[in-house]
Amino acid sequence: MQLFVLPYPVIDPVAIEFGPVAIRWYGLAYMAGILCGWLYARRLVSRADLWAGKPPMTVSQADDFLLWITLGIVLGGRLGFVLFYEPSFFWQHPEEIPAVWNGGMAFHGGLLGVAIAVYIFSRVKGINPLSLGDIASAATPFGLFFGRIANFINSEVVGRATDVPWAMVFPGTDGQPRHPSQLYEGALEGVVLFIILRIATHYFHALTRPGTVFGLFLVFYGIFRSSLEFVREPHPDHPMDIGFLTPGIAYSIPMILIGAWLIWRARQKPALGA
């Protein structure tokens, strides 16, 4: 018998309400992540010393890219959730597909959406796509952090049942104390990953080797996500829930391999300004 369970801090998913208009924490979290990421990206491209010379894009171009990356995150994240996690439900209820305010965004889908936005924008503007990918990757942990906090507020993607002292009983579950896995993910995917990439960009001059920061992001996100799948409740009836394999692990393995290849590739070429 478990002697102690942390109380779940029930928070109304609606942050602000004006008559029929309701602003949810979920939407505010995405806005905060995109805003902070954009401001950080502007800072990176304004620092010529981080690039050993001229940055690959201007601050004005970073501002223009904001719309592109927002569309990539929202469209990719939602379509990824629909296709990777709940295809049967949305096939029966297609009217629910646009309802992103109810939760249901897939990181791996959002990653694909952002990758497409990076590629197209870089080609249109004549920017090195790997350098733009590095900038986007360095700024992404902000969105991951706020997104996981929104998952916690919405009581979604909960952890597995456990008897650890900090377990919580989440609304809408079976009443068992569970890992607050959303907070674990926010800490690792948001805070720790940001610190790793910050050290790489500001102390090891990773931005001078295009593709390095992008590769580091893919590798460490994949490792963090895969390790936390063991404390996160498996997705019900998903065909990839086989033994230790979960959708999160299955989708993260290619990320780790591609990230390692990008880092290796970047190390084979001379650094910018060399």
Protein backbone atom coordinates (compact mmCIF):
# COMPACT_ATOMS: atom_id res chain seq x y z
CA MET A 1 0.00 0.00 0.00
CA GLN A 2 1.34 3.39 -0.98
CA LEU A 3 1.68 5.73 1.98
CA PHE A 4 2.03 9.03 0.13
CA VAL A 5 0.74 10.47 -3.14
CA LEU A 6 1.33 14.01 -4.33
CA PRO A 7 -1.97 15.81 -4.99
CA TYR A 8 -2.48 16.62 -8.65
CA PRO A 9 -2.82 20.41 -8.97
CA VAL A 10 -6.09 20.54 -10.90
CA ILE A 11 -5.93 23.50 -13.28
CA ASP A 12 -8.78 24.57 -15.54
CA PRO A 13 -7.63 23.89 -19.14
CA VAL A 14 -9.23 27.24 -20.06
CA ALA A 15 -6.86 30.03 -19.03
CA ILE A 16 -8.98 33.03 -20.05
CA GLU A 17 -12.61 33.21 -21.08
CA PHE A 18 -14.46 36.11 -22.71
CA GLY A 19 -18.06 35.08 -23.26
CA PRO A 20 -18.00 32.45 -26.02
CA VAL A 21 -14.25 32.90 -26.58
CA ALA A 22 -12.05 30.57 -24.54
CA ILE A 23 -8.25 30.73 -24.55
CA ARG A 24 -6.75 27.45 -23.38
CA TRP A 25 -3.44 26.82 -21.67
CA TYR A 26 -2.61 24.42 -24.49
CA GLY A 27 -2.74 27.22 -27.05
CA LEU A 28 -0.87 29.62 -24.78
CA ALA A 29 1.87 27.04 -24.29
CA TYR A 30 2.41 26.77 -28.03
CA MET A 31 2.40 30.55 -28.38
CA ALA A 32 4.96 30.89 -25.58
CA GLY A 33 7.21 28.21 -27.07
CA ILE A 34 7.12 29.73 -30.54
CA LEU A 35 7.64 33.27 -29.23
CA CYS A 36 10.60 32.33 -27.01
CA GLY A 37 12.11 30.21 -29.78
CA TRP A 38 11.78 33.06 -32.28
CA LEU A 39 13.43 35.56 -29.92
CA TYR A 40 16.26 33.12 -29.22
CA ALA A 41 16.75 32.45 -32.95
CA ARG A 42 16.96 36.21 -33.59
CA ARG A 43 19.63 36.39 -30.92
CA LEU A 44 21.63 33.59 -32.50
CA VAL A 45 21.64 35.14 -35.98
CA SER A 46 22.66 38.51 -34.56
CA ARG A 47 25.84 37.04 -33.03
CA ALA A 48 28.49 36.99 -35.76
CA ASP A 49 31.03 35.56 -33.30
CA LEU A 50 29.02 32.32 -33.02
CA TRP A 51 29.41 31.80 -36.76
CA ALA A 52 33.08 32.80 -37.06
CA GLY A 53 31.99 35.49 -39.48
CA LYS A 54 28.77 36.36 -41.24
CA PRO A 55 25.63 34.52 -39.99
CA PRO A 56 23.82 32.49 -42.67
CA MET A 57 20.67 34.63 -42.48
CA THR A 58 19.56 38.06 -41.34
CA VAL A 59 17.35 38.94 -38.40
CA SER A 60 14.72 40.04 -40.91
CA GLN A 61 14.79 36.60 -42.51
CA ALA A 62 14.44 35.03 -39.06
CA ASP A 63 11.30 37.12 -38.61
CA ASP A 64 9.96 35.92 -41.97
CA PHE A 65 10.66 32.32 -41.01
CA LEU A 66 8.42 32.60 -37.95
CA LEU A 67 5.24 32.04 -39.98
CA TRP A 68 6.75 29.11 -41.86
CA ILE A 69 7.90 27.30 -38.73
CA THR A 70 4.59 27.96 -36.97
CA LEU A 71 2.71 26.32 -39.83
CA GLY A 72 5.19 23.44 -39.83
CA ILE A 73 4.74 22.84 -36.10
CA VAL A 74 0.95 23.06 -36.05
CA LEU A 75 0.15 21.26 -39.30
CA GLY A 76 2.87 18.66 -38.94
CA GLY A 77 2.18 18.05 -35.26
CA ARG A 78 -1.55 17.61 -35.75
CA LEU A 79 -1.33 15.49 -38.89
CA GLY A 80 1.37 13.40 -37.23
CA PHE A 81 -0.93 12.69 -34.28
CA VAL A 82 -3.82 11.86 -36.60
CA LEU A 83 -1.77 9.51 -38.80
CA PHE A 84 0.70 8.01 -36.30
CA TYR A 85 -1.46 7.59 -33.19
CA GLU A 86 -5.23 7.86 -33.77
CA PRO A 87 -5.97 7.10 -37.44
CA SER A 88 -9.06 4.98 -36.73
CA PHE A 89 -10.66 7.58 -34.45
CA PHE A 90 -10.15 10.46 -36.86
CA TRP A 91 -11.32 8.35 -39.79
CA GLN A 92 -14.63 8.05 -37.96
CA HIS A 93 -14.61 11.65 -36.68
CA PRO A 94 -12.85 13.80 -39.32
CA GLU A 95 -14.48 16.94 -37.90
CA GLU A 96 -12.19 16.56 -34.87
CA ILE A 97 -8.98 16.86 -36.89
CA PRO A 98 -8.76 20.71 -36.65
CA ALA A 99 -9.54 20.70 -32.89
CA VAL A 100 -5.94 21.18 -31.75
CA TRP A 101 -7.20 23.08 -28.68
CA ASN A 102 -8.32 19.75 -27.22
CA GLY A 103 -4.75 18.44 -27.29
CA GLY A 104 -3.28 15.78 -29.53
CA MET A 105 -0.04 16.89 -31.18
CA ALA A 106 2.74 14.50 -32.16
CA PHE A 107 6.32 15.70 -31.83
CA HIS A 108 7.60 13.49 -34.63
CA GLY A 109 4.94 14.87 -36.98
CA GLY A 110 5.85 18.41 -35.95
CA LEU A 111 9.51 17.62 -36.61
CA LEU A 112 8.70 16.53 -40.15
CA GLY A 113 6.62 19.66 -40.65
CA VAL A 114 9.45 21.88 -39.45
CA ALA A 115 11.99 20.00 -41.59
CA ILE A 116 9.86 20.62 -44.68
CA ALA A 117 9.47 24.31 -43.74
CA VAL A 118 13.25 24.61 -43.22
CA TYR A 119 14.02 23.03 -46.59
CA ILE A 120 11.56 25.11 -48.61
CA PHE A 121 12.38 28.40 -46.88
CA SER A 122 16.14 27.85 -47.22
CA ARG A 123 15.78 27.15 -50.93
CA VAL A 124 13.57 30.19 -51.50
CA LYS A 125 15.91 32.51 -49.56
CA GLY A 126 19.23 30.96 -50.61
CA ILE A 127 20.19 29.89 -47.07
CA ASN A 128 22.19 26.79 -46.16
CA PRO A 129 19.41 24.39 -45.03
CA LEU A 130 21.67 22.74 -42.45
CA SER A 131 22.48 26.09 -40.83
CA LEU A 132 18.80 26.98 -40.74
CA GLY A 133 18.12 23.55 -39.25
CA ASP A 134 20.74 24.28 -36.58
CA ILE A 135 19.02 27.55 -35.67
CA ALA A 136 15.59 25.94 -35.52
CA SER A 137 16.92 23.04 -33.43
CA ALA A 138 18.63 25.32 -30.92
CA ALA A 139 15.33 27.17 -30.40
CA THR A 140 13.04 24.11 -30.26
CA PRO A 141 13.51 23.16 -26.56
CA PHE A 142 11.42 26.18 -25.57
CA GLY A 143 8.41 24.74 -27.36
CA LEU A 144 9.06 21.26 -26.00
CA PHE A 145 9.15 22.56 -22.44
CA PHE A 146 5.93 24.55 -22.66
CA GLY A 147 4.23 21.79 -24.63
CA ARG A 148 4.91 19.24 -21.88
CA ILE A 149 3.60 21.65 -19.25
CA ALA A 150 0.42 21.90 -21.33
CA ASN A 151 0.22 18.09 -21.43
CA PHE A 152 0.45 18.10 -17.62
CA ILE A 153 -2.31 20.70 -17.27
CA ASN A 154 -4.51 18.73 -19.69
CA SER A 155 -3.79 15.50 -17.77
CA GLU A 156 -2.77 13.77 -21.02
CA VAL A 157 0.08 11.41 -21.99
CA VAL A 158 0.26 10.36 -18.34
CA GLY A 159 2.87 8.09 -16.82
CA ARG A 160 2.69 4.44 -15.87
CA ALA A 161 1.31 3.33 -12.52
CA THR A 162 3.97 3.52 -9.81
CA ASP A 163 4.57 3.68 -6.06
CA VAL A 164 7.25 6.40 -6.09
CA PRO A 165 6.66 9.09 -3.44
CA TRP A 166 5.97 11.79 -6.04
CA ALA A 167 3.30 9.80 -7.91
CA MET A 168 0.03 11.55 -8.75
CA VAL A 169 -3.52 10.49 -9.49
CA PHE A 170 -4.50 12.15 -12.75
CA PRO A 171 -8.12 13.06 -13.54
CA GLY A 172 -9.74 10.81 -16.11
CA THR A 173 -7.53 7.80 -15.34
CA ASP A 174 -8.22 4.60 -13.39
CA GLY A 175 -7.32 6.20 -10.05
CA GLN A 176 -3.88 4.62 -9.75
CA PRO A 177 -0.94 6.83 -8.71
CA ARG A 178 1.20 7.47 -11.78
CA HIS A 179 4.50 9.00 -12.81
CA PRO A 180 4.14 12.70 -13.74
CA SER A 181 5.97 11.79 -16.94
CA GLN A 182 5.04 15.07 -18.62
CA LEU A 183 7.22 16.89 -16.08
CA TYR A 184 10.10 14.46 -16.65
CA GLU A 185 9.85 15.13 -20.38
CA GLY A 186 9.64 18.89 -19.88
CA ALA A 187 12.81 18.76 -17.78
CA LEU A 188 14.83 16.56 -20.17
CA GLU A 189 13.48 17.60 -23.58
CA GLY A 190 13.16 21.25 -22.62
CA VAL A 191 15.67 22.28 -19.96
CA VAL A 192 18.47 19.71 -20.27
CA LEU A 193 18.36 19.61 -24.07
CA PHE A 194 18.50 23.41 -24.22
CA ILE A 195 21.57 23.42 -21.96
CA ILE A 196 23.33 20.80 -24.11
CA LEU A 197 22.69 22.75 -27.31
CA ARG A 198 23.60 26.05 -25.65
CA ILE A 199 26.96 24.64 -24.58
CA ALA A 200 27.51 23.31 -28.12
CA THR A 201 26.71 26.66 -29.78
CA HIS A 202 28.38 29.03 -27.33
CA TYR A 203 31.38 27.04 -26.05
CA PHE A 204 32.21 24.51 -28.78
CA HIS A 205 31.38 26.70 -31.82
CA ALA A 206 29.00 24.05 -33.20
CA LEU A 207 27.29 26.56 -35.48
CA THR A 208 30.48 26.80 -37.55
CA ARG A 209 29.92 23.21 -38.67
CA PRO A 210 26.44 23.19 -40.29
CA GLY A 211 24.32 20.23 -39.28
CA THR A 212 26.02 19.65 -35.93
CA VAL A 213 23.38 21.28 -33.72
CA PHE A 214 20.60 19.66 -35.72
CA GLY A 215 22.32 16.29 -35.28
CA LEU A 216 22.82 16.80 -31.55
CA PHE A 217 19.18 17.73 -31.19
CA LEU A 218 18.02 14.58 -32.97
CA VAL A 219 20.35 12.31 -31.00
CA PHE A 220 19.61 13.66 -27.54
CA TYR A 221 15.89 14.11 -28.08
CA GLY A 222 15.71 10.55 -29.36
CA ILE A 223 17.62 9.25 -26.34
CA PHE A 224 15.55 11.24 -23.83
CA ARG A 225 12.23 10.32 -25.45
CA SER A 226 13.15 6.64 -25.71
CA SER A 227 14.29 6.41 -22.09
CA LEU A 228 11.16 8.12 -20.78
CA GLU A 229 8.89 5.75 -22.70
CA PHE A 230 9.53 3.26 -19.88
CA VAL A 231 7.70 5.51 -17.39
CA ARG A 232 5.06 6.77 -19.80
CA GLU A 233 1.77 4.92 -20.24
CA PRO A 234 1.81 3.03 -23.57
CA HIS A 235 -0.59 4.13 -26.24
CA PRO A 236 -3.61 1.80 -26.16
CA ASP A 237 -3.95 -0.69 -29.03
CA HIS A 238 -1.13 0.83 -31.08
CA PRO A 239 0.44 -1.78 -33.40
CA MET A 240 3.95 -0.71 -32.34
CA ASP A 241 3.34 -1.47 -28.65
CA ILE A 242 5.23 -4.76 -28.74
CA GLY A 243 7.22 -5.69 -25.65
CA PHE A 244 9.58 -2.84 -24.84
CA LEU A 245 8.94 -1.21 -28.22
CA THR A 246 6.55 1.75 -28.16
CA PRO A 247 5.66 4.24 -30.90
CA GLY A 248 7.86 6.85 -29.21
CA ILE A 249 10.88 4.52 -29.31
CA ALA A 250 10.16 3.30 -32.84
CA TYR A 251 9.91 6.85 -34.17
CA SER A 252 12.99 7.99 -32.22
CA ILE A 253 15.43 5.33 -33.46
CA PRO A 254 15.65 6.84 -36.98
CA MET A 255 16.14 10.27 -35.37
CA ILE A 256 19.16 9.03 -33.42
CA LEU A 257 20.70 7.39 -36.49
CA ILE A 258 20.13 10.43 -38.73
CA GLY A 259 21.45 12.76 -36.01
CA ALA A 260 24.62 10.71 -35.59
CA TRP A 261 25.13 10.77 -39.36
CA LEU A 262 24.68 14.55 -39.49
CA ILE A 263 27.26 15.05 -36.75
CA TRP A 264 29.72 12.72 -38.50
CA ARG A 265 29.11 14.47 -41.82
CA ALA A 266 29.67 17.91 -40.29
CA ARG A 267 32.97 16.79 -38.78
CA GLN A 268 34.24 15.74 -42.21
CA LYS A 269 34.04 19.27 -43.58
CA PRO A 270 36.04 22.37 -42.65
CA ALA A 271 34.45 24.74 -40.17
CA LEU A 272 33.04 28.06 -41.36
CA GLY A 273 35.70 30.76 -41.26
CA ALA A 274 38.53 28.19 -41.14
